[in-house]
Structure formats: structure tokens, C-alpha cells
Amino acid sequence: MSLNDLFTQRNIQHGDIGEFERLFTKYYEPLCRHANKILNDMDTSEDLVQEFFYQFWKNRETFTVRLSLNAYLYQSIRNNALHHLEHLAIRRSYAEQVRGEQRETAPAPEPQSAELNDLTRVIENTLNQMPERCSRIFRMNRFDGKKYREIAAILSISVKTVEAEMGKALQIFRKSLKDYTGDEAGIYPKNSL
């Protein structure tokens, strides 16, 4: 790790907002392009990078970079984009299952694996146990595809409040899905490298 990386890491861990803003400004656009290569959706890529930096700042005191800050940021965004694709696949599967149940004359759905049924049940239970506003915001973002600013406008709250509620929801999911991801750190690993 370079001296610059050590300096940046130490300053951010000690709450230097200026250092964090410099890091954000330097990496935001390249990380969005990196995520877009995986997701092929620039709006979602921007949301993902914004959410990463939100979590990065929120957990600044505990993150540790072992190789380089550049490698850490790119690897984290790659992991988050891949997790996002996995969640989309789960969401599509769940939506198809719900649609199938709503159609009285539809043919019976193909049997799903017990693990997918368990995962679907865990997701629904987790959403039902969240505070109402937190669950609603998560569903609007992840199930309805609404952006943070759209949710804020609909609910007459600030974008920061939406970000905070999404952070809570992701934290709750991180705990409830750890048996399926095999990763206690969950969606936003603190020590990726």
C-alpha cells in the first residue's frame, strides 16, 4: 500500500470530510463506469456507487485496506454489482412466483428448489419485520425500481432520509441473509482486500 493510500485511509477514518470528498470526486465517475460494465444500467450503477460511498463513510472507522485503495474500491464495486444481479434474479423469481399464485387458471409453476423457497421466505419475513417506512422504501427501490430522489418526492422526505432507511434495510438483510451469502459482512464487505 502506498503512503498516499495510508494517509487517505487514516484521514478518512478520523472523520476528515475533505479527504473523503476528494476520494469521492476522484473515483465516482470511474466506479460508475466500472459498475455499468457489469450491470449495463447507468442509473443503477450510479445508485450502487452512491450507496457504497454512503456505507464507506458510515463505516469509515472500521474499514481496512490491505493492498491499495484503488483495488479496494474497484473490487468492492464489482462485488456490490454482482450482489445486485443476484438480488435481481431472486426478485424476478419471487415476482414470477407471486404472479403464478395470482392466476387461477395458470399452469402450475415448476417446482423450485427448497433453498430458493427458504430464501424467498426469509426475504419476505425480513421485509415484514422491518419498520414500515424502512420496508416500504426498500420495496420501492428494489422491487419497483424507483430512484432515491423519486422515493423522497413520493414520500415527502429528504433523499438523506431515504439513504438512511436503505442503509438500515441493507443492514437488516445482511444479518438475515448471511446463511445464504456465506459472508457475515454481506453486501458491503469492510475488508475486501
C-alpha atoms as a PDB file:
ATOM      1  CA  MET A   1       0.000   0.000   0.000  1.00  0.00           C
ATOM      2  CA  SER A   2       1.318   3.439  -0.890  1.00  0.00           C
ATOM      3  CA  LEU A   3       1.924   6.240   1.587  1.00  0.00           C
ATOM      4  CA  ASN A   4      -0.815   8.268  -0.115  1.00  0.00           C
ATOM      5  CA  ASP A   5      -3.288   5.414   0.469  1.00  0.00           C
ATOM      6  CA  LEU A   6      -2.262   5.157   4.119  1.00  0.00           C
ATOM      7  CA  PHE A   7      -2.607   8.912   4.546  1.00  0.00           C
ATOM      8  CA  THR A   8      -6.029   8.941   2.870  1.00  0.00           C
ATOM      9  CA  GLN A   9      -7.250   5.941   4.867  1.00  0.00           C
ATOM     10  CA  ARG A  10      -6.058   7.397   8.183  1.00  0.00           C
ATOM     11  CA  ASN A  11      -7.602  10.813   7.498  1.00  0.00           C
ATOM     12  CA  ILE A  12     -10.953   9.370   6.456  1.00  0.00           C
ATOM     13  CA  GLN A  13     -11.017   7.059   9.480  1.00  0.00           C
ATOM     14  CA  HIS A  14     -10.519  10.141  11.653  1.00  0.00           C
ATOM     15  CA  GLY A  15     -13.510  11.887  10.020  1.00  0.00           C
ATOM     16  CA  ASP A  16     -11.750  14.161   7.502  1.00  0.00           C
ATOM     17  CA  ILE A  17     -14.710  15.006   5.241  1.00  0.00           C
ATOM     18  CA  GLY A  18     -12.485  16.936   2.842  1.00  0.00           C
ATOM     19  CA  GLU A  19     -10.333  13.857   2.239  1.00  0.00           C
ATOM     20  CA  PHE A  20     -13.461  11.762   1.725  1.00  0.00           C
ATOM     21  CA  GLU A  21     -14.860  14.306  -0.764  1.00  0.00           C
ATOM     22  CA  ARG A  22     -11.570  14.247  -2.706  1.00  0.00           C
ATOM     23  CA  LEU A  23     -11.743  10.450  -2.841  1.00  0.00           C
ATOM     24  CA  PHE A  24     -15.398  10.577  -3.928  1.00  0.00           C
ATOM     25  CA  THR A  25     -14.695  13.171  -6.640  1.00  0.00           C
ATOM     26  CA  LYS A  26     -11.729  11.223  -7.987  1.00  0.00           C
ATOM     27  CA  TYR A  27     -13.430   7.816  -8.117  1.00  0.00           C
ATOM     28  CA  TYR A  28     -17.169   8.419  -8.523  1.00  0.00           C
ATOM     29  CA  GLU A  29     -17.355   8.505 -12.334  1.00  0.00           C
ATOM     30  CA  PRO A  30     -14.784   5.733 -12.980  1.00  0.00           C
ATOM     31  CA  LEU A  31     -16.553   3.478 -10.448  1.00  0.00           C
ATOM     32  CA  CYS A  32     -19.923   4.188 -12.086  1.00  0.00           C
ATOM     33  CA  ARG A  33     -18.464   3.150 -15.459  1.00  0.00           C
ATOM     34  CA  HIS A  34     -16.962   0.037 -13.816  1.00  0.00           C
ATOM     35  CA  ALA A  35     -20.330  -0.951 -12.299  1.00  0.00           C
ATOM     36  CA  ASN A  36     -22.083  -0.212 -15.600  1.00  0.00           C
ATOM     37  CA  LYS A  37     -19.859  -2.755 -17.386  1.00  0.00           C
ATOM     38  CA  ILE A  38     -21.408  -5.398 -15.126  1.00  0.00           C
ATOM     39  CA  LEU A  39     -24.962  -4.059 -14.778  1.00  0.00           C
ATOM     40  CA  ASN A  40     -25.425  -2.410 -18.173  1.00  0.00           C
ATOM     41  CA  ASP A  41     -27.602   0.222 -16.455  1.00  0.00           C
ATOM     42  CA  MET A  42     -26.005   3.568 -15.648  1.00  0.00           C
ATOM     43  CA  ASP A  43     -28.774   4.786 -13.305  1.00  0.00           C
ATOM     44  CA  THR A  44     -28.488   1.659 -11.180  1.00  0.00           C
ATOM     45  CA  SER A  45     -24.702   1.875 -11.347  1.00  0.00           C
ATOM     46  CA  GLU A  46     -24.803   5.441 -10.019  1.00  0.00           C
ATOM     47  CA  ASP A  47     -27.154   4.410  -7.206  1.00  0.00           C
ATOM     48  CA  LEU A  48     -24.895   1.495  -6.334  1.00  0.00           C
ATOM     49  CA  VAL A  49     -21.766   3.684  -6.201  1.00  0.00           C
ATOM     50  CA  GLN A  50     -23.579   6.335  -4.142  1.00  0.00           C
ATOM     51  CA  GLU A  51     -24.777   3.661  -1.714  1.00  0.00           C
ATOM     52  CA  PHE A  52     -21.240   2.254  -1.498  1.00  0.00           C
ATOM     53  CA  PHE A  53     -19.755   5.647  -0.641  1.00  0.00           C
ATOM     54  CA  TYR A  54     -22.531   6.236   1.904  1.00  0.00           C
ATOM     55  CA  GLN A  55     -21.673   2.921   3.610  1.00  0.00           C
ATOM     56  CA  PHE A  56     -17.950   3.607   3.216  1.00  0.00           C
ATOM     57  CA  TRP A  57     -18.254   6.912   5.106  1.00  0.00           C
ATOM     58  CA  LYS A  58     -20.655   5.469   7.660  1.00  0.00           C
ATOM     59  CA  ASN A  59     -18.248   2.596   8.443  1.00  0.00           C
ATOM     60  CA  ARG A  60     -15.055   4.626   7.961  1.00  0.00           C
ATOM     61  CA  GLU A  61     -13.663   3.831  11.392  1.00  0.00           C
ATOM     62  CA  THR A  62     -13.608   0.083  10.752  1.00  0.00           C
ATOM     63  CA  PHE A  63     -12.559  -0.302   7.123  1.00  0.00           C
ATOM     64  CA  THR A  64      -9.080  -1.583   6.393  1.00  0.00           C
ATOM     65  CA  VAL A  65      -7.310  -1.576   3.054  1.00  0.00           C
ATOM     66  CA  ARG A  66      -4.528  -4.117   2.710  1.00  0.00           C
ATOM     67  CA  LEU A  67      -3.320  -3.726  -0.877  1.00  0.00           C
ATOM     68  CA  SER A  68      -4.315  -0.438  -2.428  1.00  0.00           C
ATOM     69  CA  LEU A  69      -7.230   1.933  -2.085  1.00  0.00           C
ATOM     70  CA  ASN A  70      -7.818   1.801  -5.844  1.00  0.00           C
ATOM     71  CA  ALA A  71      -8.030  -2.015  -5.795  1.00  0.00           C
ATOM     72  CA  TYR A  72     -10.284  -1.939  -2.724  1.00  0.00           C
ATOM     73  CA  LEU A  73     -12.753   0.476  -4.326  1.00  0.00           C
ATOM     74  CA  TYR A  74     -12.947  -1.342  -7.668  1.00  0.00           C
ATOM     75  CA  GLN A  75     -13.236  -4.782  -6.034  1.00  0.00           C
ATOM     76  CA  SER A  76     -15.948  -3.549  -3.665  1.00  0.00           C
ATOM     77  CA  ILE A  77     -17.975  -2.058  -6.522  1.00  0.00           C
ATOM     78  CA  ARG A  78     -17.548  -5.273  -8.539  1.00  0.00           C
ATOM     79  CA  ASN A  79     -18.778  -7.337  -5.568  1.00  0.00           C
ATOM     80  CA  ASN A  80     -21.705  -4.995  -4.966  1.00  0.00           C
ATOM     81  CA  ALA A  81     -22.719  -5.097  -8.641  1.00  0.00           C
ATOM     82  CA  LEU A  82     -22.612  -8.898  -8.648  1.00  0.00           C
ATOM     83  CA  HIS A  83     -24.663  -8.993  -5.429  1.00  0.00           C
ATOM     84  CA  HIS A  84     -27.139  -6.620  -7.060  1.00  0.00           C
ATOM     85  CA  LEU A  85     -27.526  -9.001 -10.028  1.00  0.00           C
ATOM     86  CA  GLU A  86     -28.101 -11.900  -7.631  1.00  0.00           C
ATOM     87  CA  HIS A  87     -30.790  -9.906  -5.836  1.00  0.00           C
ATOM     88  CA  LEU A  88     -32.441  -9.054  -9.167  1.00  0.00           C
ATOM     89  CA  ALA A  89     -32.583 -12.751 -10.031  1.00  0.00           C
ATOM     90  CA  ILE A  90     -34.161 -13.522  -6.650  1.00  0.00           C
ATOM     91  CA  ARG A  91     -36.626 -10.679  -7.077  1.00  0.00           C
ATOM     92  CA  ARG A  92     -37.621 -11.853 -10.567  1.00  0.00           C
ATOM     93  CA  SER A  93     -38.103 -15.377  -9.279  1.00  0.00           C
ATOM     94  CA  TYR A  94     -40.213 -14.108  -6.403  1.00  0.00           C
ATOM     95  CA  ALA A  95     -42.307 -11.889  -8.705  1.00  0.00           C
ATOM     96  CA  GLU A  96     -42.903 -14.812 -11.061  1.00  0.00           C
ATOM     97  CA  GLN A  97     -43.989 -16.961  -8.137  1.00  0.00           C
ATOM     98  CA  VAL A  98     -46.430 -14.292  -6.898  1.00  0.00           C
ATOM     99  CA  ARG A  99     -47.835 -13.775 -10.401  1.00  0.00           C
ATOM    100  CA  GLY A 100     -48.303 -17.533 -10.724  1.00  0.00           C
ATOM    101  CA  GLU A 101     -50.251 -17.665  -7.451  1.00  0.00           C
ATOM    102  CA  GLN A 102     -52.499 -14.815  -8.571  1.00  0.00           C
ATOM    103  CA  ARG A 103     -53.548 -16.523 -11.794  1.00  0.00           C
ATOM    104  CA  GLU A 104     -56.303 -19.022 -11.100  1.00  0.00           C
ATOM    105  CA  THR A 105     -56.118 -20.695 -14.497  1.00  0.00           C
ATOM    106  CA  ALA A 106     -52.362 -20.572 -14.890  1.00  0.00           C
ATOM    107  CA  PRO A 107     -50.495 -23.838 -15.160  1.00  0.00           C
ATOM    108  CA  ALA A 108     -48.742 -24.970 -12.003  1.00  0.00           C
ATOM    109  CA  PRO A 109     -45.305 -23.423 -11.626  1.00  0.00           C
ATOM    110  CA  GLU A 110     -42.313 -25.679 -11.972  1.00  0.00           C
ATOM    111  CA  PRO A 111     -41.082 -26.893  -8.599  1.00  0.00           C
ATOM    112  CA  GLN A 112     -38.352 -24.711  -7.121  1.00  0.00           C
ATOM    113  CA  SER A 113     -35.505 -25.895  -5.031  1.00  0.00           C
ATOM    114  CA  ALA A 114     -36.064 -25.996  -1.281  1.00  0.00           C
ATOM    115  CA  GLU A 115     -33.218 -23.490  -0.838  1.00  0.00           C
ATOM    116  CA  LEU A 116     -34.854 -20.926  -3.132  1.00  0.00           C
ATOM    117  CA  ASN A 117     -38.186 -21.385  -1.327  1.00  0.00           C
ATOM    118  CA  ASP A 118     -36.406 -20.895   2.010  1.00  0.00           C
ATOM    119  CA  LEU A 119     -34.609 -17.814   0.700  1.00  0.00           C
ATOM    120  CA  THR A 120     -37.853 -16.333  -0.614  1.00  0.00           C
ATOM    121  CA  ARG A 121     -39.493 -16.936   2.766  1.00  0.00           C
ATOM    122  CA  VAL A 122     -36.535 -15.332   4.607  1.00  0.00           C
ATOM    123  CA  ILE A 123     -36.706 -12.257   2.331  1.00  0.00           C
ATOM    124  CA  GLU A 124     -40.444 -11.825   2.847  1.00  0.00           C
ATOM    125  CA  ASN A 125     -40.185 -12.392   6.619  1.00  0.00           C
ATOM    126  CA  THR A 126     -37.330  -9.902   6.832  1.00  0.00           C
ATOM    127  CA  LEU A 127     -39.342  -7.274   4.959  1.00  0.00           C
ATOM    128  CA  ASN A 128     -42.371  -7.901   7.196  1.00  0.00           C
ATOM    129  CA  GLN A 129     -40.284  -7.490  10.362  1.00  0.00           C
ATOM    130  CA  MET A 130     -38.694  -4.199   9.287  1.00  0.00           C
ATOM    131  CA  PRO A 131     -40.172  -0.893  10.412  1.00  0.00           C
ATOM    132  CA  GLU A 132     -42.950   0.046   7.980  1.00  0.00           C
ATOM    133  CA  ARG A 133     -41.190   3.051   6.389  1.00  0.00           C
ATOM    134  CA  CYS A 134     -37.919   1.135   6.036  1.00  0.00           C
ATOM    135  CA  SER A 135     -39.683  -1.800   4.334  1.00  0.00           C
ATOM    136  CA  ARG A 136     -41.706   0.499   2.085  1.00  0.00           C
ATOM    137  CA  ILE A 137     -38.636   2.420   0.930  1.00  0.00           C
ATOM    138  CA  PHE A 138     -36.725  -0.814   0.272  1.00  0.00           C
ATOM    139  CA  ARG A 139     -39.616  -2.250  -1.768  1.00  0.00           C
ATOM    140  CA  MET A 140     -39.983   0.980  -3.758  1.00  0.00           C
ATOM    141  CA  ASN A 141     -36.270   0.988  -4.589  1.00  0.00           C
ATOM    142  CA  ARG A 142     -35.538  -2.691  -5.140  1.00  0.00           C
ATOM    143  CA  PHE A 143     -38.895  -4.061  -6.297  1.00  0.00           C
ATOM    144  CA  ASP A 144     -40.389  -1.055  -8.097  1.00  0.00           C
ATOM    145  CA  GLY A 145     -37.053   0.258  -9.411  1.00  0.00           C
ATOM    146  CA  LYS A 146     -37.531   3.786  -8.080  1.00  0.00           C
ATOM    147  CA  LYS A 147     -34.507   6.020  -7.531  1.00  0.00           C
ATOM    148  CA  TYR A 148     -33.814   7.598  -4.148  1.00  0.00           C
ATOM    149  CA  ARG A 149     -34.910  11.048  -5.313  1.00  0.00           C
ATOM    150  CA  GLU A 150     -38.203   9.633  -6.687  1.00  0.00           C
ATOM    151  CA  ILE A 151     -38.917   7.905  -3.376  1.00  0.00           C
ATOM    152  CA  ALA A 152     -38.086  11.078  -1.467  1.00  0.00           C
ATOM    153  CA  ALA A 153     -40.535  13.060  -3.627  1.00  0.00           C
ATOM    154  CA  ILE A 154     -43.326  10.470  -3.296  1.00  0.00           C
ATOM    155  CA  LEU A 155     -42.973  10.202   0.488  1.00  0.00           C
ATOM    156  CA  SER A 156     -42.217  13.906   1.041  1.00  0.00           C
ATOM    157  CA  ILE A 157     -38.951  13.157   2.830  1.00  0.00           C
ATOM    158  CA  SER A 158     -35.333  14.047   2.123  1.00  0.00           C
ATOM    159  CA  VAL A 159     -33.017  11.954  -0.031  1.00  0.00           C
ATOM    160  CA  LYS A 160     -30.763  11.628   3.058  1.00  0.00           C
ATOM    161  CA  THR A 161     -33.661  10.011   4.922  1.00  0.00           C
ATOM    162  CA  VAL A 162     -34.178   7.572   2.044  1.00  0.00           C
ATOM    163  CA  GLU A 163     -30.444   6.782   2.111  1.00  0.00           C
ATOM    164  CA  ALA A 164     -30.540   6.222   5.868  1.00  0.00           C
ATOM    165  CA  GLU A 165     -33.590   3.928   5.640  1.00  0.00           C
ATOM    166  CA  MET A 166     -31.980   1.945   2.807  1.00  0.00           C
ATOM    167  CA  GLY A 167     -28.847   1.637   4.933  1.00  0.00           C
ATOM    168  CA  LYS A 168     -30.956   0.210   7.777  1.00  0.00           C
ATOM    169  CA  ALA A 169     -32.743  -2.185   5.420  1.00  0.00           C
ATOM    170  CA  LEU A 170     -29.482  -3.431   3.912  1.00  0.00           C
ATOM    171  CA  GLN A 171     -28.049  -3.890   7.413  1.00  0.00           C
ATOM    172  CA  ILE A 172     -31.081  -5.999   8.385  1.00  0.00           C
ATOM    173  CA  PHE A 173     -30.805  -8.054   5.181  1.00  0.00           C
ATOM    174  CA  ARG A 174     -27.076  -8.502   5.733  1.00  0.00           C
ATOM    175  CA  LYS A 175     -27.865 -10.261   9.024  1.00  0.00           C
ATOM    176  CA  SER A 176     -30.858 -12.273   7.854  1.00  0.00           C
ATOM    177  CA  LEU A 177     -29.194 -13.499   4.622  1.00  0.00           C
ATOM    178  CA  LYS A 178     -25.753 -14.343   6.000  1.00  0.00           C
ATOM    179  CA  ASP A 179     -26.548 -18.088   5.851  1.00  0.00           C
ATOM    180  CA  TYR A 180     -27.208 -17.746   2.104  1.00  0.00           C
ATOM    181  CA  THR A 181     -24.327 -15.439   1.203  1.00  0.00           C
ATOM    182  CA  GLY A 182     -21.780 -17.195   3.404  1.00  0.00           C
ATOM    183  CA  ASP A 183     -20.450 -13.755   4.260  1.00  0.00           C
ATOM    184  CA  GLU A 184     -21.100 -12.055   7.594  1.00  0.00           C
ATOM    185  CA  ALA A 185     -20.023  -8.745   6.060  1.00  0.00           C
ATOM    186  CA  GLY A 186     -22.797  -9.117   3.486  1.00  0.00           C
ATOM    187  CA  ILE A 187     -23.366  -6.642   0.707  1.00  0.00           C
ATOM    188  CA  TYR A 188     -20.677  -4.164   1.640  1.00  0.00           C
ATOM    189  CA  PRO A 189     -17.595  -6.058   2.793  1.00  0.00           C
ATOM    190  CA  LYS A 190     -15.396  -3.890   5.019  1.00  0.00           C
ATOM    191  CA  ASN A 191     -12.204  -5.856   4.452  1.00  0.00           C
ATOM    192  CA  SER A 192     -12.450  -6.955   0.824  1.00  0.00           C
ATOM    193  CA  LEU A 193      -8.717  -6.826   0.173  1.00  0.00           C
END
